[in-house]
PDB file of N, CA and C in Angstrom:
ATOM      1  N   MET A   1     -65.865   6.347 -12.473  1.00  0.00           N
ATOM      2  CA  MET A   1     -64.893   7.413 -12.289  1.00  0.00           C
ATOM      3  C   MET A   1     -65.145   8.556 -11.917  1.00  0.00           C
ATOM      4  N   ASP A   2     -66.208   9.084 -11.382  1.00  0.00           N
ATOM      5  CA  ASP A   2     -67.189  10.165 -10.799  1.00  0.00           C
ATOM      6  C   ASP A   2     -67.847   9.409  -9.552  1.00  0.00           C
ATOM      7  N   ASN A   3     -67.979  10.379  -8.605  1.00  0.00           N
ATOM      8  CA  ASN A   3     -68.840  10.204  -7.637  1.00  0.00           C
ATOM      9  C   ASN A   3     -70.375   9.883  -7.946  1.00  0.00           C
ATOM     10  N   ASP A   4     -70.655  10.114  -9.092  1.00  0.00           N
ATOM     11  CA  ASP A   4     -72.189   9.993  -9.267  1.00  0.00           C
ATOM     12  C   ASP A   4     -72.531   8.846 -10.271  1.00  0.00           C
ATOM     13  N   ASN A   5     -71.155   8.443 -10.711  1.00  0.00           N
ATOM     14  CA  ASN A   5     -71.245   7.164 -11.776  1.00  0.00           C
ATOM     15  C   ASN A   5     -71.987   7.863 -12.936  1.00  0.00           C
ATOM     16  N   LEU A   6     -71.254   9.312 -13.236  1.00  0.00           N
ATOM     17  CA  LEU A   6     -71.759   9.599 -14.926  1.00  0.00           C
ATOM     18  C   LEU A   6     -70.817   9.239 -15.575  1.00  0.00           C
ATOM     19  N   ILE A   7     -69.621   9.101 -15.300  1.00  0.00           N
ATOM     20  CA  ILE A   7     -68.344   8.665 -16.553  1.00  0.00           C
ATOM     21  C   ILE A   7     -67.857   7.695 -16.163  1.00  0.00           C
ATOM     22  N   LYS A   8     -67.926   6.720 -17.683  1.00  0.00           N
ATOM     23  CA  LYS A   8     -67.577   5.317 -17.109  1.00  0.00           C
ATOM     24  C   LYS A   8     -66.434   4.735 -17.987  1.00  0.00           C
ATOM     25  N   ALA A   9     -65.669   4.331 -16.986  1.00  0.00           N
ATOM     26  CA  ALA A   9     -64.592   3.328 -18.099  1.00  0.00           C
ATOM     27  C   ALA A   9     -64.840   1.795 -18.723  1.00  0.00           C
ATOM     28  N   PRO A  10     -64.668   1.763 -20.246  1.00  0.00           N
ATOM     29  CA  PRO A  10     -65.191   0.799 -20.948  1.00  0.00           C
ATOM     30  C   PRO A  10     -64.172  -0.472 -20.208  1.00  0.00           C
ATOM     31  N   GLY A  11     -65.463  -1.786 -20.136  1.00  0.00           N
ATOM     32  CA  GLY A  11     -65.150  -3.018 -19.841  1.00  0.00           C
ATOM     33  C   GLY A  11     -64.261  -3.411 -21.024  1.00  0.00           C
ATOM     34  N   TYR A  12     -63.351  -4.405 -20.489  1.00  0.00           N
ATOM     35  CA  TYR A  12     -62.655  -4.912 -21.711  1.00  0.00           C
ATOM     36  C   TYR A  12     -62.116  -6.639 -20.930  1.00  0.00           C
ATOM     37  N   THR A  13     -61.854  -7.277 -22.050  1.00  0.00           N
ATOM     38  CA  THR A  13     -61.334  -8.649 -22.207  1.00  0.00           C
ATOM     39  C   THR A  13     -59.684  -9.005 -22.844  1.00  0.00           C
ATOM     40  N   LEU A  14     -58.882  -9.504 -21.732  1.00  0.00           N
ATOM     41  CA  LEU A  14     -57.628  -9.350 -22.306  1.00  0.00           C
ATOM     42  C   LEU A  14     -57.710 -10.970 -22.732  1.00  0.00           C
ATOM     43  N   VAL A  15     -56.601 -11.365 -23.453  1.00  0.00           N
ATOM     44  CA  VAL A  15     -56.245 -12.910 -24.079  1.00  0.00           C
ATOM     45  C   VAL A  15     -54.633 -12.699 -23.620  1.00  0.00           C
ATOM     46  N   ASN A  16     -54.376 -14.047 -22.713  1.00  0.00           N
ATOM     47  CA  ASN A  16     -53.511 -14.110 -22.622  1.00  0.00           C
ATOM     48  C   ASN A  16     -52.512 -15.419 -23.224  1.00  0.00           C
ATOM     49  N   PHE A  17     -51.289 -15.890 -23.393  1.00  0.00           N
ATOM     50  CA  PHE A  17     -50.915 -17.098 -23.818  1.00  0.00           C
ATOM     51  C   PHE A  17     -49.404 -17.744 -23.187  1.00  0.00           C
ATOM     52  N   ASN A  18     -49.504 -18.962 -22.292  1.00  0.00           N
ATOM     53  CA  ASN A  18     -48.179 -19.189 -21.827  1.00  0.00           C
ATOM     54  C   ASN A  18     -48.174 -20.641 -22.046  1.00  0.00           C
ATOM     55  N   LEU A  19     -47.090 -20.645 -22.318  1.00  0.00           N
ATOM     56  CA  LEU A  19     -46.566 -21.990 -22.249  1.00  0.00           C
ATOM     57  C   LEU A  19     -45.527 -22.518 -21.510  1.00  0.00           C
ATOM     58  N   HIS A  20     -45.335 -23.710 -20.531  1.00  0.00           N
ATOM     59  CA  HIS A  20     -44.418 -23.951 -19.814  1.00  0.00           C
ATOM     60  C   HIS A  20     -44.385 -25.578 -20.217  1.00  0.00           C
ATOM     61  N   TYR A  21     -42.795 -25.757 -19.810  1.00  0.00           N
ATOM     62  CA  TYR A  21     -42.239 -26.953 -20.156  1.00  0.00           C
ATOM     63  C   TYR A  21     -41.220 -27.783 -19.446  1.00  0.00           C
ATOM     64  N   ASP A  22     -41.209 -28.773 -18.313  1.00  0.00           N
ATOM     65  CA  ASP A  22     -40.706 -28.955 -17.677  1.00  0.00           C
ATOM     66  C   ASP A  22     -39.945 -30.690 -18.407  1.00  0.00           C
ATOM     67  N   PRO A  23     -38.779 -30.261 -18.990  1.00  0.00           N
ATOM     68  CA  PRO A  23     -38.235 -31.660 -19.826  1.00  0.00           C
ATOM     69  C   PRO A  23     -37.415 -32.579 -18.836  1.00  0.00           C
ATOM     70  N   GLY A  24     -37.566 -32.672 -17.151  1.00  0.00           N
ATOM     71  CA  GLY A  24     -37.180 -33.910 -16.457  1.00  0.00           C
ATOM     72  C   GLY A  24     -35.694 -33.774 -16.359  1.00  0.00           C
ATOM     73  N   ALA A  25     -35.322 -32.950 -16.606  1.00  0.00           N
ATOM     74  CA  ALA A  25     -33.570 -33.313 -16.808  1.00  0.00           C
ATOM     75  C   ALA A  25     -33.589 -33.456 -15.539  1.00  0.00           C
ATOM     76  N   GLN A  26     -32.134 -34.617 -15.085  1.00  0.00           N
ATOM     77  CA  GLN A  26     -31.730 -35.119 -13.998  1.00  0.00           C
ATOM     78  C   GLN A  26     -30.356 -34.843 -13.960  1.00  0.00           C
ATOM     79  N   VAL A  27     -29.562 -33.672 -13.557  1.00  0.00           N
ATOM     80  CA  VAL A  27     -28.211 -33.530 -13.102  1.00  0.00           C
ATOM     81  C   VAL A  27     -27.866 -33.681 -11.566  1.00  0.00           C
ATOM     82  N   VAL A  28     -26.756 -34.293 -11.350  1.00  0.00           N
ATOM     83  CA  VAL A  28     -26.225 -34.282 -10.314  1.00  0.00           C
ATOM     84  C   VAL A  28     -26.815 -32.777  -9.102  1.00  0.00           C
ATOM     85  N   TYR A  29     -26.493 -31.620  -9.351  1.00  0.00           N
ATOM     86  CA  TYR A  29     -26.949 -30.585  -8.309  1.00  0.00           C
ATOM     87  C   TYR A  29     -27.892 -30.188  -8.726  1.00  0.00           C
ATOM     88  N   LEU A  30     -28.600 -30.082  -9.662  1.00  0.00           N
ATOM     89  CA  LEU A  30     -29.960 -30.088 -10.223  1.00  0.00           C
ATOM     90  C   LEU A  30     -31.205 -30.934 -10.089  1.00  0.00           C
ATOM     91  N   LYS A  31     -32.133 -30.261  -8.978  1.00  0.00           N
ATOM     92  CA  LYS A  31     -33.465 -30.978  -8.953  1.00  0.00           C
ATOM     93  C   LYS A  31     -34.656 -31.121 -10.339  1.00  0.00           C
ATOM     94  N   GLY A  32     -34.488 -29.520 -10.588  1.00  0.00           N
ATOM     95  CA  GLY A  32     -35.650 -29.219 -11.784  1.00  0.00           C
ATOM     96  C   GLY A  32     -35.201 -28.337 -12.504  1.00  0.00           C
ATOM     97  N   LEU A  33     -36.091 -28.643 -13.782  1.00  0.00           N
ATOM     98  CA  LEU A  33     -35.646 -27.245 -14.762  1.00  0.00           C
ATOM     99  C   LEU A  33     -37.220 -26.848 -15.544  1.00  0.00           C
ATOM    100  N   ARG A  34     -37.071 -25.929 -15.306  1.00  0.00           N
ATOM    101  CA  ARG A  34     -38.286 -25.593 -15.984  1.00  0.00           C
ATOM    102  C   ARG A  34     -38.626 -24.429 -16.932  1.00  0.00           C
ATOM    103  N   LEU A  35     -39.070 -24.563 -18.127  1.00  0.00           N
ATOM    104  CA  LEU A  35     -38.812 -23.474 -19.234  1.00  0.00           C
ATOM    105  C   LEU A  35     -40.092 -23.010 -19.331  1.00  0.00           C
ATOM    106  N   PHE A  36     -40.186 -21.487 -19.694  1.00  0.00           N
ATOM    107  CA  PHE A  36     -41.661 -20.560 -19.936  1.00  0.00           C
ATOM    108  C   PHE A  36     -41.520 -19.669 -20.922  1.00  0.00           C
ATOM    109  N   PHE A  37     -42.517 -19.667 -21.771  1.00  0.00           N
ATOM    110  CA  PHE A  37     -42.803 -18.224 -22.714  1.00  0.00           C
ATOM    111  C   PHE A  37     -44.149 -17.926 -22.665  1.00  0.00           C
ATOM    112  N   GLU A  38     -44.471 -16.455 -22.223  1.00  0.00           N
ATOM    113  CA  GLU A  38     -45.798 -16.073 -22.157  1.00  0.00           C
ATOM    114  C   GLU A  38     -45.797 -14.989 -23.139  1.00  0.00           C
ATOM    115  N   VAL A  39     -47.175 -14.731 -23.585  1.00  0.00           N
ATOM    116  CA  VAL A  39     -47.443 -13.472 -24.424  1.00  0.00           C
ATOM    117  C   VAL A  39     -48.497 -12.722 -23.769  1.00  0.00           C
ATOM    118  N   GLN A  40     -48.440 -11.298 -23.092  1.00  0.00           N
ATOM    119  CA  GLN A  40     -49.474 -10.867 -22.530  1.00  0.00           C
ATOM    120  C   GLN A  40     -50.303  -9.875 -23.350  1.00  0.00           C
ATOM    121  N   ASN A  41     -51.450  -9.676 -23.163  1.00  0.00           N
ATOM    122  CA  ASN A  41     -52.357  -8.810 -24.050  1.00  0.00           C
ATOM    123  C   ASN A  41     -51.780  -9.212 -25.616  1.00  0.00           C
ATOM    124  N   LEU A  42     -52.305 -10.585 -25.687  1.00  0.00           N
ATOM    125  CA  LEU A  42     -52.116 -10.886 -27.045  1.00  0.00           C
ATOM    126  C   LEU A  42     -52.307 -10.662 -28.190  1.00  0.00           C
ATOM    127  N   LEU A  43     -53.888  -9.909 -28.013  1.00  0.00           N
ATOM    128  CA  LEU A  43     -54.789  -9.221 -29.150  1.00  0.00           C
ATOM    129  C   LEU A  43     -54.120  -8.020 -29.299  1.00  0.00           C
ATOM    130  N   ASN A  44     -52.880  -7.205 -28.468  1.00  0.00           N
ATOM    131  CA  ASN A  44     -52.686  -6.094 -28.179  1.00  0.00           C
ATOM    132  C   ASN A  44     -54.082  -4.966 -28.210  1.00  0.00           C
ATOM    133  N   LYS A  45     -54.848  -5.045 -27.378  1.00  0.00           N
ATOM    134  CA  LYS A  45     -56.198  -4.473 -27.315  1.00  0.00           C
ATOM    135  C   LYS A  45     -55.338  -2.793 -26.441  1.00  0.00           C
ATOM    136  N   THR A  46     -55.996  -2.020 -26.599  1.00  0.00           N
ATOM    137  CA  THR A  46     -55.979  -0.724 -25.981  1.00  0.00           C
ATOM    138  C   THR A  46     -57.043  -0.448 -24.933  1.00  0.00           C
ATOM    139  N   TYR A  47     -56.450  -0.533 -23.426  1.00  0.00           N
ATOM    140  CA  TYR A  47     -57.883  -0.737 -22.287  1.00  0.00           C
ATOM    141  C   TYR A  47     -57.177   0.421 -21.489  1.00  0.00           C
ATOM    142  N   VAL A  48     -58.366   0.877 -20.555  1.00  0.00           N
ATOM    143  CA  VAL A  48     -58.126   1.716 -19.317  1.00  0.00           C
ATOM    144  C   VAL A  48     -57.579   0.761 -18.050  1.00  0.00           C
ATOM    145  N   ALA A  49     -56.467   0.579 -17.530  1.00  0.00           N
ATOM    146  CA  ALA A  49     -56.273  -0.162 -16.648  1.00  0.00           C
ATOM    147  C   ALA A  49     -56.392   0.553 -15.332  1.00  0.00           C
ATOM    148  N   SER A  50     -56.007   1.419 -15.337  1.00  0.00           N
ATOM    149  CA  SER A  50     -56.934   2.775 -14.167  1.00  0.00           C
ATOM    150  C   SER A  50     -57.204   3.333 -14.540  1.00  0.00           C
ATOM    151  N   ALA A  51     -57.740   4.237 -13.158  1.00  0.00           N
ATOM    152  CA  ALA A  51     -58.388   6.273 -13.763  1.00  0.00           C
ATOM    153  C   ALA A  51     -58.294   6.505 -12.008  1.00  0.00           C
ATOM    154  N   ASN A  52     -57.897   7.891 -12.245  1.00  0.00           N
ATOM    155  CA  ASN A  52     -57.859   8.691 -10.748  1.00  0.00           C
ATOM    156  C   ASN A  52     -60.085   9.004 -10.994  1.00  0.00           C
ATOM    157  N   ASN A  53     -59.993   9.005  -9.366  1.00  0.00           N
ATOM    158  CA  ASN A  53     -61.676   9.727  -9.248  1.00  0.00           C
ATOM    159  C   ASN A  53     -61.978  10.997  -9.690  1.00  0.00           C
ATOM    160  N   VAL A  54     -62.732  11.594 -10.481  1.00  0.00           N
ATOM    161  CA  VAL A  54     -62.967  13.067 -10.777  1.00  0.00           C
ATOM    162  C   VAL A  54     -63.984  13.594 -10.052  1.00  0.00           C
ATOM    163  N   SER A  55     -63.817  14.644  -9.641  1.00  0.00           N
ATOM    164  CA  SER A  55     -64.758  15.076  -8.449  1.00  0.00           C
ATOM    165  C   SER A  55     -65.920  15.969  -9.758  1.00  0.00           C
ATOM    166  N   ASP A  56     -67.341  15.326  -8.305  1.00  0.00           N
ATOM    167  CA  ASP A  56     -68.736  16.324  -9.303  1.00  0.00           C
ATOM    168  C   ASP A  56     -68.310  17.608  -8.572  1.00  0.00           C
ATOM    169  N   SER A  57     -69.474  18.302  -9.714  1.00  0.00           N
ATOM    170  CA  SER A  57     -69.552  19.746  -9.325  1.00  0.00           C
ATOM    171  C   SER A  57     -70.913  20.400  -9.568  1.00  0.00           C
ATOM    172  N   ILE A  58     -71.097  20.900  -9.024  1.00  0.00           N
ATOM    173  CA  ILE A  58     -72.276  21.838  -9.485  1.00  0.00           C
ATOM    174  C   ILE A  58     -72.196  22.833  -9.997  1.00  0.00           C
ATOM    175  N   SER A  59     -73.295  23.548 -10.960  1.00  0.00           N
ATOM    176  CA  SER A  59     -73.310  25.137 -11.606  1.00  0.00           C
ATOM    177  C   SER A  59     -73.647  25.877 -10.798  1.00  0.00           C
ATOM    178  N   ALA A  60     -72.484  27.500 -10.535  1.00  0.00           N
ATOM    179  CA  ALA A  60     -72.674  28.379  -9.921  1.00  0.00           C
ATOM    180  C   ALA A  60     -74.006  29.252 -10.261  1.00  0.00           C
ATOM    181  N   VAL A  61     -74.746  29.088 -11.374  1.00  0.00           N
ATOM    182  CA  VAL A  61     -75.788  29.432 -11.690  1.00  0.00           C
ATOM    183  C   VAL A  61     -76.945  28.869 -11.510  1.00  0.00           C
ATOM    184  N   THR A  62     -77.095  27.844 -11.651  1.00  0.00           N
ATOM    185  CA  THR A  62     -78.636  27.069 -11.527  1.00  0.00           C
ATOM    186  C   THR A  62     -78.242  26.336 -10.096  1.00  0.00           C
ATOM    187  N   GLY A  63     -77.256  25.943  -9.638  1.00  0.00           N
ATOM    188  CA  GLY A  63     -77.405  24.897  -8.353  1.00  0.00           C
ATOM    189  C   GLY A  63     -77.486  23.856  -8.679  1.00  0.00           C
ATOM    190  N   LEU A  64     -77.250  23.161 -10.116  1.00  0.00           N
ATOM    191  CA  LEU A  64     -77.630  22.210 -10.387  1.00  0.00           C
ATOM    192  C   LEU A  64     -76.915  21.219 -10.679  1.00  0.00           C
ATOM    193  N   GLN A  65     -76.579  19.840 -10.480  1.00  0.00           N
ATOM    194  CA  GLN A  65     -75.395  19.228 -10.594  1.00  0.00           C
ATOM    195  C   GLN A  65     -75.054  19.178 -12.318  1.00  0.00           C
ATOM    196  N   ASN A  66     -73.361  19.868 -12.860  1.00  0.00           N
ATOM    197  CA  ASN A  66     -73.035  20.051 -13.645  1.00  0.00           C
ATOM    198  C   ASN A  66     -73.167  18.837 -14.699  1.00  0.00           C
ATOM    199  N   SER A  67     -73.181  18.734 -16.030  1.00  0.00           N
ATOM    200  CA  SER A  67     -73.328  17.522 -16.765  1.00  0.00           C
ATOM    201  C   SER A  67     -72.445  16.547 -16.577  1.00  0.00           C
ATOM    202  N   ALA A  68     -72.018  15.326 -17.264  1.00  0.00           N
ATOM    203  CA  ALA A  68     -70.944  14.596 -17.514  1.00  0.00           C
ATOM    204  C   ALA A  68     -69.846  15.005 -18.297  1.00  0.00           C
ATOM    205  N   ASN A  69     -70.346  15.823 -19.453  1.00  0.00           N
ATOM    206  CA  ASN A  69     -69.059  16.723 -20.064  1.00  0.00           C
ATOM    207  C   ASN A  69     -68.315  17.224 -19.453  1.00  0.00           C
ATOM    208  N   LEU A  70     -69.026  18.251 -18.555  1.00  0.00           N
ATOM    209  CA  LEU A  70     -68.127  19.623 -17.939  1.00  0.00           C
ATOM    210  C   LEU A  70     -67.704  18.326 -17.144  1.00  0.00           C
ATOM    211  N   VAL A  71     -67.905  17.602 -16.223  1.00  0.00           N
ATOM    212  CA  VAL A  71     -67.143  16.940 -15.223  1.00  0.00           C
ATOM    213  C   VAL A  71     -66.137  15.912 -16.232  1.00  0.00           C
ATOM    214  N   ALA A  72     -66.262  15.529 -17.323  1.00  0.00           N
ATOM    215  CA  ALA A  72     -64.961  15.063 -17.789  1.00  0.00           C
ATOM    216  C   ALA A  72     -63.802  15.598 -17.772  1.00  0.00           C
ATOM    217  N   GLY A  73     -64.142  16.947 -18.229  1.00  0.00           N
ATOM    218  CA  GLY A  73     -63.167  18.203 -18.647  1.00  0.00           C
ATOM    219  C   GLY A  73     -62.558  18.774 -17.670  1.00  0.00           C
ATOM    220  N   THR A  74     -62.533  18.239 -16.420  1.00  0.00           N
ATOM    221  CA  THR A  74     -62.295  18.755 -15.229  1.00  0.00           C
ATOM    222  C   THR A  74     -60.732  18.040 -14.889  1.00  0.00           C
ATOM    223  N   GLY A  75     -60.202  17.604 -15.598  1.00  0.00           N
ATOM    224  CA  GLY A  75     -58.522  17.008 -15.792  1.00  0.00           C
ATOM    225  C   GLY A  75     -58.217  15.552 -15.008  1.00  0.00           C
ATOM    226  N   GLY A  76     -59.344  14.931 -14.929  1.00  0.00           N
ATOM    227  CA  GLY A  76     -59.032  13.464 -14.492  1.00  0.00           C
ATOM    228  C   GLY A  76     -58.393  12.633 -15.426  1.00  0.00           C
ATOM    229  N   SER A  77     -57.247  11.653 -14.681  1.00  0.00           N
ATOM    230  CA  SER A  77     -56.205  11.110 -15.077  1.00  0.00           C
ATOM    231  C   SER A  77     -56.903   9.211 -15.783  1.00  0.00           C
ATOM    232  N   ILE A  78     -56.390   9.023 -16.964  1.00  0.00           N
ATOM    233  CA  ILE A  78     -56.762   7.700 -17.515  1.00  0.00           C
ATOM    234  C   ILE A  78     -55.150   7.194 -17.827  1.00  0.00           C
ATOM    235  N   TYR A  79     -55.109   5.966 -17.161  1.00  0.00           N
ATOM    236  CA  TYR A  79     -53.813   5.228 -17.280  1.00  0.00           C
ATOM    237  C   TYR A  79     -54.259   4.019 -18.446  1.00  0.00           C
ATOM    238  N   ALA A  80     -53.682   3.987 -19.263  1.00  0.00           N
ATOM    239  CA  ALA A  80     -53.650   3.022 -20.469  1.00  0.00           C
ATOM    240  C   ALA A  80     -53.168   1.698 -19.708  1.00  0.00           C
ATOM    241  N   GLY A  81     -53.556   0.617 -20.085  1.00  0.00           N
ATOM    242  CA  GLY A  81     -52.789  -0.663 -19.744  1.00  0.00           C
ATOM    243  C   GLY A  81     -51.545  -0.995 -20.750  1.00  0.00           C
ATOM    244  N   ALA A  82     -50.807  -1.925 -20.354  1.00  0.00           N
ATOM    245  CA  ALA A  82     -49.751  -2.304 -21.110  1.00  0.00           C
ATOM    246  C   ALA A  82     -49.653  -2.824 -22.524  1.00  0.00           C
ATOM    247  N   PRO A  83     -49.170  -2.873 -23.400  1.00  0.00           N
ATOM    248  CA  PRO A  83     -49.267  -3.294 -24.728  1.00  0.00           C
ATOM    249  C   PRO A  83     -49.226  -4.585 -24.601  1.00  0.00           C
ATOM    250  N   ARG A  84     -49.021  -5.394 -25.615  1.00  0.00           N
ATOM    251  CA  ARG A  84     -48.346  -6.965 -25.696  1.00  0.00           C
ATOM    252  C   ARG A  84     -46.909  -7.399 -25.086  1.00  0.00           C
ATOM    253  N   SER A  85     -46.884  -7.800 -24.504  1.00  0.00           N
ATOM    254  CA  SER A  85     -45.682  -8.230 -23.793  1.00  0.00           C
ATOM    255  C   SER A  85     -45.095  -9.866 -23.891  1.00  0.00           C
ATOM    256  N   PHE A  86     -43.930  -9.488 -24.302  1.00  0.00           N
ATOM    257  CA  PHE A  86     -43.633 -11.321 -24.164  1.00  0.00           C
ATOM    258  C   PHE A  86     -42.280 -11.259 -23.078  1.00  0.00           C
ATOM    259  N   ILE A  87     -42.692 -12.183 -22.626  1.00  0.00           N
ATOM    260  CA  ILE A  87     -41.657 -12.994 -21.302  1.00  0.00           C
ATOM    261  C   ILE A  87     -41.121 -14.227 -21.589  1.00  0.00           C
ATOM    262  N   GLY A  88     -40.237 -14.722 -21.555  1.00  0.00           N
ATOM    263  CA  GLY A  88     -39.569 -15.853 -21.020  1.00  0.00           C
ATOM    264  C   GLY A  88     -38.537 -16.000 -20.339  1.00  0.00           C
ATOM    265  N   GLY A  89     -38.566 -17.290 -19.859  1.00  0.00           N
ATOM    266  CA  GLY A  89     -37.334 -17.696 -18.840  1.00  0.00           C
ATOM    267  C   GLY A  89     -37.178 -19.135 -18.083  1.00  0.00           C
ATOM    268  N   VAL A  90     -36.133 -19.096 -17.703  1.00  0.00           N
ATOM    269  CA  VAL A  90     -36.012 -20.412 -17.173  1.00  0.00           C
ATOM    270  C   VAL A  90     -36.040 -20.750 -15.309  1.00  0.00           C
ATOM    271  N   LYS A  91     -36.499 -21.571 -14.937  1.00  0.00           N
ATOM    272  CA  LYS A  91     -36.629 -21.879 -13.324  1.00  0.00           C
ATOM    273  C   LYS A  91     -35.880 -22.971 -13.149  1.00  0.00           C
ATOM    274  N   VAL A  92     -34.945 -22.679 -11.982  1.00  0.00           N
ATOM    275  CA  VAL A  92     -33.955 -23.934 -11.762  1.00  0.00           C
ATOM    276  C   VAL A  92     -34.020 -24.154 -10.545  1.00  0.00           C
ATOM    277  N   THR A  93     -34.272 -25.548 -10.092  1.00  0.00           N
ATOM    278  CA  THR A  93     -34.577 -25.828  -8.570  1.00  0.00           C
ATOM    279  C   THR A  93     -33.193 -26.700  -8.603  1.00  0.00           C
ATOM    280  N   PHE A  94     -32.541 -26.113  -6.974  1.00  0.00           N
ATOM    281  CA  PHE A  94     -31.043 -26.699  -6.738  1.00  0.00           C
ATOM    282  C   PHE A  94     -31.722 -27.513  -5.463  1.00  0.00           C
TER     283      PHE A  94
END
């Protein structure tokens, strides 16, 4: 998250569930009908989706690079990922 890679966001694994159904319905003006249901982030895990780059700095006293604790406190923005989401719908082909 910073230029010298002193600060890192933890890795994560998301589990999603998708269910799709094509009933094969044949209607005069309807070529196809598909139903779907999705659960994103099934385990409702908290994760870092994105983060702004944090600038590194040097100490005015010693001239050396500041530690990761000081760099992390400079106001970088961390954006959390989406919580568990339920999505469903119908796809129709004419």
